[in-house]
Amino acid sequence: MRLLSQTWVVIIMNIRSLPARFSMSLATIFAVAAVVGVLLFFLAMGNGFRATLEGAGSDAVAVVTREGSQSEINSVLGRDQVNLIANAPGIARDDAGNPLISAELYVIVDGIKESTKTKVNLPLRGLSQAGFDLRDNVKITDGRMFSPGRNEIIVGKGVLKEFGGFSLGKKITFGKTTWEVVGIFTTGGSAFESELWADARSVQDQFRRGNSFQTMRLRLETPGDVSALQAYAKTDPRLNVKIETEANYFSTQGDAIKGYVIFGWGVSIIMGLGALAGALNTMYTSVASRAREIATLRAIGFSNVSAFMGTLVEGILLSLLGGVLGIVATYLFIDGNSAATIGASFTQVVFTFTLSPDLMVQGGWIALAIGVLGGFFPAFRAARLPVVIAFE
């Protein structure tokens, strides 16, 4: 109990002396805040990107692409393959016995990013009403659905946030063909909101795709079970395809953001070393400026452990203040903002920065680690100050 009271006295003394080192202490707080803020920026980016992709995936739907393709843009399926897969077991059917499938195209068109005014790749998906039925939460929020056989497109809500020229009623030229925006749709914030949708037959005609497609989507009889479909495909040499759940497909597409997260950790580690150096300098200066005070406490009976703990707590307190500042700044200025980055299909994916409680905890742990490391060695020095200094 005596040790605790002694430690508390040293902590209070250290806190009261902070104004004497105000500029250095403030610099340490801001350095730690910068480290935490940068790290949370990249983690929130990765978190939001993954959530956007995962929101597009469903275990009740299977995705069929060409074997060896990494994404839809690399895949090609012929009409004969589409017809063969439509007769495969494991596919759910409607009341009339028709398979619930959607053969789709996926082509790249040009767009202009509003923030930079630079040209970017945007995905134009060709699909039919069946493609709508296989997706959850699809809703036309403004305008109407495109008409089959006409050069009309509907635009995802995410596209409107980040790219110019796609508002309702606009006429857009892709190559030598003019398309009219007739509707705006939402899919609950998933990756599909980063796309333009049009009638599959019109996309085939205008982009000279003949009777081919990029991918198929199938409603599964048993959600999550693609074994029957995979077994069927292996028995037919004409079906050189990969079949997986839509949830798994988009999970692998999320690997595209891993490089950004790793880069964020790298930058944060480098900045963390700088913040650690600043914390060490601040704490060493704190100990040096109070050497006589600490030695005097030691002379009147305070233990070296209380001197150590009091100084260490000061370092941790400064670092945690910086951590809180970094978390609050990220929450206020980053969380909820939308951005776009290149996905696995080399097209722009619009997502929202998402600062979850787990990420805030990670930021707090980083700040705590800097505080402990930055305060340990100065605290050790304070504990070893010779008592004779008090009498000089």
Protein backbone atom coordinates (compact mmCIF):
# COMPACT_ATOMS: atom_id res chain seq x y z
CA MET A 1 0.00 0.00 0.00
CA ARG A 2 2.91 2.33 0.81
CA LEU A 3 4.45 1.65 -2.61
CA LEU A 4 1.20 2.61 -4.32
CA SER A 5 0.93 5.87 -2.42
CA GLN A 6 4.56 6.72 -3.19
CA THR A 7 4.03 5.96 -6.88
CA TRP A 8 0.92 8.14 -6.92
CA VAL A 9 2.87 11.06 -5.42
CA VAL A 10 5.55 10.75 -8.11
CA ILE A 11 2.92 10.57 -10.87
CA ILE A 12 1.20 13.74 -9.60
CA MET A 13 4.55 15.51 -9.36
CA ASN A 14 5.41 14.54 -12.93
CA ILE A 15 2.05 15.66 -14.28
CA ARG A 16 2.26 19.03 -12.50
CA SER A 17 5.68 19.61 -14.03
CA LEU A 18 4.44 19.04 -17.60
CA PRO A 19 3.94 22.78 -18.31
CA ALA A 20 7.71 23.21 -17.92
CA ARG A 21 8.14 20.81 -20.86
CA PHE A 22 4.97 21.79 -22.70
CA SER A 23 6.39 22.08 -26.22
CA MET A 24 8.28 18.78 -26.09
CA SER A 25 5.36 16.96 -24.51
CA LEU A 26 3.00 18.37 -27.14
CA ALA A 27 5.39 17.29 -29.91
CA THR A 28 5.37 13.75 -28.52
CA ILE A 29 1.58 13.69 -28.38
CA PHE A 30 1.28 14.85 -31.99
CA ALA A 31 3.93 12.40 -33.17
CA VAL A 32 2.06 9.47 -31.66
CA ALA A 33 -1.23 10.85 -33.02
CA ALA A 34 0.28 10.94 -36.51
CA VAL A 35 1.44 7.33 -36.23
CA VAL A 36 -1.95 6.12 -35.05
CA GLY A 37 -3.80 8.25 -37.61
CA VAL A 38 -1.76 6.99 -40.58
CA LEU A 39 -2.12 3.38 -39.49
CA LEU A 40 -5.88 3.70 -38.97
CA PHE A 41 -6.23 5.42 -42.35
CA PHE A 42 -4.89 2.36 -44.18
CA LEU A 43 -6.66 -0.12 -41.91
CA ALA A 44 -9.98 1.70 -42.38
CA MET A 45 -9.36 1.62 -46.12
CA GLY A 46 -8.80 -2.12 -46.08
CA ASN A 47 -11.75 -2.67 -43.77
CA GLY A 48 -14.10 -0.68 -45.98
CA PHE A 49 -12.84 -2.29 -49.18
CA ARG A 50 -13.32 -5.80 -47.80
CA ALA A 51 -16.79 -4.94 -46.48
CA THR A 52 -17.77 -3.61 -49.92
CA LEU A 53 -16.67 -6.80 -51.65
CA GLU A 54 -18.10 -9.14 -49.03
CA GLY A 55 -21.43 -7.32 -49.28
CA ALA A 56 -21.61 -8.32 -52.94
CA GLY A 57 -21.03 -12.02 -52.25
CA SER A 58 -23.64 -14.61 -51.34
CA ASP A 59 -23.36 -18.28 -50.41
CA ALA A 60 -26.68 -18.88 -52.17
CA VAL A 61 -25.20 -17.94 -55.56
CA ALA A 62 -22.40 -19.63 -57.52
CA VAL A 63 -20.06 -17.85 -59.93
CA VAL A 64 -18.77 -19.62 -63.04
CA THR A 65 -15.65 -18.35 -64.80
CA ARG A 66 -13.11 -19.86 -67.16
CA GLU A 67 -10.55 -22.08 -65.45
CA GLY A 68 -7.37 -20.11 -64.69
CA SER A 69 -8.98 -16.67 -64.83
CA GLN A 70 -8.30 -14.39 -61.88
CA SER A 71 -11.42 -12.27 -62.30
CA GLU A 72 -14.38 -11.74 -64.58
CA ILE A 73 -12.42 -9.55 -66.99
CA ASN A 74 -10.07 -12.47 -67.81
CA SER A 75 -12.87 -14.99 -68.34
CA VAL A 76 -14.70 -16.04 -71.51
CA LEU A 77 -17.65 -18.42 -71.75
CA GLY A 78 -19.25 -19.47 -75.03
CA ARG A 79 -22.99 -19.87 -75.55
CA ASP A 80 -22.54 -23.66 -75.77
CA GLN A 81 -20.89 -23.69 -72.33
CA VAL A 82 -23.68 -21.55 -70.91
CA ASN A 83 -26.28 -24.00 -72.23
CA LEU A 84 -24.40 -26.98 -70.82
CA ILE A 85 -24.07 -25.42 -67.36
CA ALA A 86 -27.75 -24.48 -67.35
CA ASN A 87 -28.58 -28.20 -67.31
CA ALA A 88 -26.20 -29.01 -64.44
CA PRO A 89 -27.46 -30.49 -61.17
CA GLY A 90 -27.49 -28.39 -58.01
CA ILE A 91 -29.09 -25.32 -59.64
CA ALA A 92 -32.33 -23.98 -58.18
CA ARG A 93 -35.29 -23.68 -60.53
CA ASP A 94 -38.41 -21.56 -60.70
CA ASP A 95 -42.00 -22.86 -60.63
CA ALA A 96 -41.87 -23.55 -64.36
CA GLY A 97 -38.71 -25.66 -63.98
CA ASN A 98 -36.39 -23.11 -65.56
CA PRO A 99 -32.90 -22.83 -64.05
CA LEU A 100 -32.21 -19.61 -62.13
CA ILE A 101 -29.13 -18.46 -64.01
CA SER A 102 -27.66 -15.25 -65.40
CA ALA A 103 -25.09 -15.18 -68.20
CA GLU A 104 -23.27 -11.86 -68.03
CA LEU A 105 -20.68 -9.74 -69.81
CA TYR A 106 -18.09 -7.57 -68.09
CA VAL A 107 -16.31 -4.95 -70.19
CA ILE A 108 -14.16 -1.94 -69.34
CA VAL A 109 -15.18 1.58 -70.33
CA ASP A 110 -13.68 5.00 -69.64
CA GLY A 111 -14.72 7.32 -66.84
CA ILE A 112 -13.38 10.52 -65.26
CA LYS A 113 -12.55 10.62 -61.57
CA GLU A 114 -14.00 13.81 -60.11
CA SER A 115 -11.27 14.42 -57.51
CA THR A 116 -8.33 14.21 -59.94
CA LYS A 117 -9.99 14.71 -63.35
CA THR A 118 -8.05 11.69 -64.60
CA LYS A 119 -9.29 8.92 -66.86
CA VAL A 120 -10.07 5.62 -65.12
CA ASN A 121 -11.47 2.20 -65.97
CA LEU A 122 -15.08 1.49 -65.04
CA PRO A 123 -16.93 -1.82 -65.37
CA LEU A 124 -19.94 -2.06 -67.65
CA ARG A 125 -21.92 -5.22 -66.92
CA GLY A 126 -24.30 -6.71 -69.45
CA LEU A 127 -27.10 -8.71 -67.85
CA SER A 128 -30.81 -9.44 -68.01
CA GLN A 129 -33.64 -9.33 -65.49
CA ALA A 130 -32.41 -12.70 -64.22
CA GLY A 131 -29.21 -10.96 -63.09
CA PHE A 132 -31.30 -8.63 -60.93
CA ASP A 133 -33.18 -11.52 -59.40
CA LEU A 134 -29.93 -13.22 -58.36
CA ARG A 135 -28.71 -10.20 -56.41
CA ASP A 136 -29.98 -9.10 -53.04
CA ASN A 137 -30.89 -5.52 -52.17
CA VAL A 138 -30.94 -4.24 -55.77
CA LYS A 139 -33.19 -1.23 -56.02
CA ILE A 140 -33.72 1.47 -58.64
CA THR A 141 -33.59 4.68 -56.62
CA ASP A 142 -34.09 7.13 -59.47
CA GLY A 143 -35.31 6.78 -63.05
CA ARG A 144 -36.16 3.35 -64.47
CA MET A 145 -34.76 0.01 -65.57
CA PHE A 146 -33.01 -0.16 -68.98
CA SER A 147 -35.06 -1.51 -71.86
CA PRO A 148 -33.85 -4.74 -73.53
CA GLY A 149 -32.25 -4.18 -76.93
CA ARG A 150 -31.66 -0.46 -76.41
CA ASN A 151 -28.45 1.43 -75.63
CA GLU A 152 -29.51 2.39 -72.13
CA ILE A 153 -27.58 2.04 -68.91
CA ILE A 154 -28.30 2.32 -65.23
CA VAL A 155 -25.58 3.61 -62.92
CA GLY A 156 -24.54 2.39 -59.49
CA LYS A 157 -24.84 4.87 -56.65
CA GLY A 158 -21.12 4.56 -55.92
CA VAL A 159 -20.24 5.67 -59.44
CA LEU A 160 -22.12 8.95 -58.93
CA LYS A 161 -20.06 9.70 -55.80
CA GLU A 162 -16.66 9.44 -57.42
CA PHE A 163 -16.99 9.84 -61.19
CA GLY A 164 -18.39 12.60 -63.35
CA GLY A 165 -20.79 12.55 -66.29
CA PHE A 166 -23.12 9.75 -65.19
CA SER A 167 -26.09 11.65 -63.79
CA LEU A 168 -29.62 10.71 -64.80
CA GLY A 169 -30.47 11.68 -68.40
CA LYS A 170 -26.84 12.05 -69.48
CA LYS A 171 -25.73 10.65 -72.83
CA ILE A 172 -22.33 8.98 -72.79
CA THR A 173 -20.19 7.78 -75.68
CA PHE A 174 -18.20 4.56 -75.37
CA GLY A 175 -16.18 4.07 -78.53
CA LYS A 176 -18.55 5.01 -81.36
CA THR A 177 -21.76 4.20 -79.48
CA THR A 178 -23.87 6.59 -77.43
CA TRP A 179 -25.63 5.33 -74.32
CA GLU A 180 -28.25 7.09 -72.23
CA VAL A 181 -28.38 6.96 -68.42
CA VAL A 182 -31.97 6.05 -67.59
CA GLY A 183 -31.68 4.96 -63.95
CA ILE A 184 -29.68 4.97 -60.73
CA PHE A 185 -29.48 1.82 -58.60
CA THR A 186 -28.22 0.79 -55.19
CA THR A 187 -27.18 -2.61 -53.83
CA GLY A 188 -26.81 -1.69 -50.17
CA GLY A 189 -23.25 -0.41 -50.49
CA SER A 190 -21.73 -3.50 -52.13
CA ALA A 191 -19.17 -3.59 -54.94
CA PHE A 192 -21.94 -3.77 -57.56
CA GLU A 193 -22.60 -0.06 -56.89
CA SER A 194 -19.27 0.64 -58.63
CA GLU A 195 -20.65 -0.65 -61.94
CA LEU A 196 -22.71 0.43 -64.92
CA TRP A 197 -25.39 -2.05 -66.00
CA ALA A 198 -26.95 -2.50 -69.43
CA ASP A 199 -28.82 -5.12 -71.43
CA ALA A 200 -26.55 -8.10 -72.18
CA ARG A 201 -27.61 -8.37 -75.84
CA SER A 202 -26.91 -4.66 -76.41
CA VAL A 203 -23.46 -4.95 -74.84
CA GLN A 204 -22.67 -7.98 -77.01
CA ASP A 205 -23.67 -6.10 -80.15
CA GLN A 206 -22.00 -2.77 -79.41
CA PHE A 207 -18.75 -4.27 -78.11
CA ARG A 208 -18.60 -7.00 -80.78
CA ARG A 209 -18.65 -9.90 -78.33
CA GLY A 210 -20.62 -12.19 -80.63
CA ASN A 211 -22.49 -14.72 -78.52
CA SER A 212 -19.93 -14.97 -75.73
CA PHE A 213 -20.08 -14.02 -72.06
CA GLN A 214 -17.59 -13.48 -69.27
CA THR A 215 -19.33 -15.19 -66.39
CA MET A 216 -22.44 -16.95 -65.13
CA ARG A 217 -24.31 -16.67 -61.86
CA LEU A 218 -26.43 -19.56 -60.60
CA ARG A 219 -28.90 -19.81 -57.74
CA LEU A 220 -27.89 -22.88 -55.72
CA GLU A 221 -30.36 -25.50 -54.54
CA THR A 222 -28.37 -25.73 -51.31
CA PRO A 223 -26.62 -22.49 -50.28
CA GLY A 224 -22.86 -22.94 -50.08
CA ASP A 225 -22.86 -26.34 -51.84
CA VAL A 226 -21.23 -26.28 -55.29
CA SER A 227 -19.98 -29.89 -55.19
CA ALA A 228 -22.60 -31.22 -57.62
CA LEU A 229 -21.83 -28.45 -60.11
CA GLN A 230 -18.08 -29.00 -59.83
CA ALA A 231 -18.47 -32.77 -60.31
CA TYR A 232 -20.68 -32.18 -63.36
CA ALA A 233 -18.13 -29.82 -64.93
CA LYS A 234 -15.28 -32.31 -64.44
CA THR A 235 -17.12 -35.01 -66.39
CA ASP A 236 -17.46 -32.85 -69.51
CA PRO A 237 -14.20 -31.82 -71.29
CA ARG A 238 -16.04 -28.92 -72.93
CA LEU A 239 -16.49 -27.26 -69.53
CA ASN A 240 -13.08 -25.89 -68.69
CA VAL A 241 -14.55 -23.74 -65.91
CA LYS A 242 -14.09 -22.77 -62.28
CA ILE A 243 -17.17 -22.85 -60.04
CA GLU A 244 -17.24 -21.28 -56.58
CA THR A 245 -19.68 -19.48 -54.34
CA GLU A 246 -20.07 -15.79 -54.95
CA ALA A 247 -18.96 -15.14 -51.36
CA ASN A 248 -15.69 -17.01 -51.95
CA TYR A 249 -15.15 -15.28 -55.29
CA PHE A 250 -15.35 -11.81 -53.79
CA SER A 251 -13.27 -12.85 -50.80
CA THR A 252 -10.35 -13.64 -53.12
CA GLN A 253 -10.90 -10.37 -55.00
CA GLY A 254 -10.34 -8.58 -51.67
CA ASP A 255 -6.69 -9.63 -51.76
CA ALA A 256 -6.10 -6.62 -54.03
CA ILE A 257 -6.14 -4.29 -51.01
CA LYS A 258 -3.60 -6.25 -48.97
CA GLY A 259 -0.72 -4.32 -50.53
CA TYR A 260 -2.18 -1.05 -49.27
CA VAL A 261 -2.58 -2.40 -45.74
CA ILE A 262 0.98 -3.78 -45.69
CA PHE A 263 2.25 -0.45 -46.96
CA GLY A 264 0.29 1.29 -44.21
CA TRP A 265 1.89 -0.90 -41.55
CA GLY A 266 5.33 -0.19 -43.04
CA VAL A 267 4.83 3.56 -43.02
CA SER A 268 3.39 3.42 -39.50
CA ILE A 269 6.34 1.40 -38.19
CA ILE A 270 8.82 3.92 -39.63
CA MET A 271 6.83 6.81 -38.21
CA GLY A 272 6.47 4.90 -34.94
CA LEU A 273 10.25 4.73 -34.61
CA GLY A 274 10.34 8.50 -35.03
CA ALA A 275 7.63 8.96 -32.42
CA LEU A 276 9.48 6.58 -30.11
CA ALA A 277 12.65 8.65 -30.48
CA GLY A 278 10.63 11.76 -29.65
CA ALA A 279 9.11 10.10 -26.60
CA LEU A 280 12.53 8.98 -25.38
CA ASN A 281 13.92 12.49 -25.80
CA THR A 282 10.97 14.00 -23.95
CA MET A 283 11.19 11.56 -21.07
CA TYR A 284 14.95 11.81 -20.72
CA THR A 285 14.58 15.59 -20.60
CA SER A 286 11.84 15.19 -18.00
CA VAL A 287 14.09 13.06 -15.79
CA ALA A 288 17.06 15.40 -16.20
CA SER A 289 15.01 18.48 -15.30
CA ARG A 290 13.67 16.80 -12.16
CA ALA A 291 16.78 14.92 -11.12
CA ARG A 292 17.05 16.78 -7.81
CA GLU A 293 13.35 16.33 -7.06
CA ILE A 294 13.55 12.58 -7.72
CA ALA A 295 16.73 12.25 -5.66
CA THR A 296 15.15 14.21 -2.81
CA LEU A 297 12.18 11.84 -2.78
CA ARG A 298 14.59 8.94 -2.69
CA ALA A 299 16.44 10.59 0.25
CA ILE A 300 13.26 10.93 2.34
CA GLY A 301 12.30 7.30 1.88
CA PHE A 302 10.66 6.92 -1.55
CA SER A 303 11.67 3.67 -3.24
CA ASN A 304 13.38 3.41 -6.62
CA VAL A 305 10.34 1.41 -7.81
CA SER A 306 8.06 4.41 -7.21
CA ALA A 307 10.45 6.63 -9.19
CA PHE A 308 10.49 4.07 -12.00
CA MET A 309 6.71 3.62 -12.12
CA GLY A 310 5.94 7.32 -11.84
CA THR A 311 8.19 8.17 -14.78
CA LEU A 312 6.94 5.23 -16.88
CA VAL A 313 3.31 6.24 -16.30
CA GLU A 314 4.12 9.76 -17.51
CA GLY A 315 5.44 8.35 -20.80
CA ILE A 316 2.44 6.07 -21.21
CA LEU A 317 0.04 8.93 -20.45
CA LEU A 318 1.56 11.19 -23.11
CA SER A 319 1.48 8.40 -25.66
CA LEU A 320 -2.11 7.42 -24.89
CA LEU A 321 -3.18 11.06 -25.25
CA GLY A 322 -1.59 10.98 -28.69
CA GLY A 323 -3.36 7.72 -29.47
CA VAL A 324 -6.74 9.14 -28.49
CA LEU A 325 -6.07 12.23 -30.59
CA GLY A 326 -5.17 10.06 -33.60
CA ILE A 327 -8.27 7.90 -33.20
CA VAL A 328 -10.60 10.89 -32.81
CA ALA A 329 -9.06 12.67 -35.82
CA THR A 330 -9.43 9.56 -37.99
CA TYR A 331 -13.02 9.09 -36.87
CA LEU A 332 -13.96 12.71 -37.56
CA PHE A 333 -12.16 13.22 -40.87
CA ILE A 334 -11.81 9.76 -42.42
CA ASP A 335 -14.55 7.40 -41.22
CA GLY A 336 -17.52 7.34 -43.58
CA ASN A 337 -15.75 9.05 -46.48
CA SER A 338 -15.94 7.35 -49.85
CA ALA A 339 -13.02 6.66 -52.18
CA ALA A 340 -12.20 4.48 -55.18
CA THR A 341 -9.29 2.23 -55.89
CA ILE A 342 -8.33 -0.35 -58.48
CA GLY A 343 -9.75 -3.80 -57.84
CA ALA A 344 -8.63 -7.17 -59.14
CA SER A 345 -10.39 -6.54 -62.49
CA PHE A 346 -8.31 -3.37 -63.06
CA THR A 347 -11.46 -1.32 -62.63
CA GLN A 348 -12.39 1.20 -59.98
CA VAL A 349 -14.18 -0.06 -56.87
CA VAL A 350 -15.94 2.58 -54.78
CA PHE A 351 -15.88 1.91 -51.05
CA THR A 352 -16.35 3.69 -47.73
CA PHE A 353 -13.64 4.06 -45.11
CA THR A 354 -14.82 2.07 -42.10
CA LEU A 355 -13.23 2.65 -38.70
CA SER A 356 -14.49 -0.24 -36.60
CA PRO A 357 -14.07 -0.58 -32.80
CA ASP A 358 -11.47 -3.31 -33.41
CA LEU A 359 -9.33 -0.91 -35.41
CA MET A 360 -9.62 1.72 -32.68
CA VAL A 361 -8.36 -0.85 -30.19
CA GLN A 362 -5.40 -1.61 -32.47
CA GLY A 363 -4.60 2.10 -32.58
CA GLY A 364 -4.71 2.22 -28.80
CA TRP A 365 -2.33 -0.74 -28.51
CA ILE A 366 0.15 0.94 -30.86
CA ALA A 367 0.07 4.10 -28.74
CA LEU A 368 0.51 2.07 -25.56
CA ALA A 369 3.50 0.22 -27.04
CA ILE A 370 5.17 3.51 -27.96
CA GLY A 371 4.50 4.83 -24.45
CA VAL A 372 5.94 1.76 -22.71
CA LEU A 373 9.07 1.64 -24.87
CA GLY A 374 9.50 5.41 -24.79
CA GLY A 375 9.14 5.58 -21.02
CA PHE A 376 10.97 2.45 -19.90
CA PHE A 377 14.58 3.51 -20.28
CA PRO A 378 14.10 7.05 -18.90
CA ALA A 379 12.17 5.50 -16.01
CA PHE A 380 15.03 3.06 -15.40
CA ARG A 381 17.42 6.00 -15.30
CA ALA A 382 15.18 7.84 -12.83
CA ALA A 383 15.17 4.81 -10.56
CA ARG A 384 18.97 4.69 -10.55
CA LEU A 385 19.61 8.39 -9.84
CA PRO A 386 22.07 8.65 -6.92
CA VAL A 387 20.55 10.11 -3.75
CA VAL A 388 23.57 12.40 -3.32
CA ILE A 389 22.19 14.68 -6.07
CA ALA A 390 19.60 15.91 -3.57
CA PHE A 391 22.36 17.45 -1.44
CA GLU A 392 24.37 19.15 -4.19
